[in-house]
């Protein structure tokens, strides 16, 4: 069988650049996702706190949850 050899080999520097680019892309995407999740968690916490202290009317009026 004839062995197929690539025309262009990837050098060590090119490989490192590809790895660095992939790490940068991953960190950027992870940061964006983390920021979105953080905002959602903060919003849900704030809503729950405001409902608990009575600023926002309860979601289920028949469920009486109050601070005593």
Foldseek 3Di string as FASTA:
>chain_A
DDDDDDPDDQDPVNVVVVVVVVVVVVVVVVVVVVVVVVVVVVVVVVVVVCCADPVDPDPDNVDDHHDD
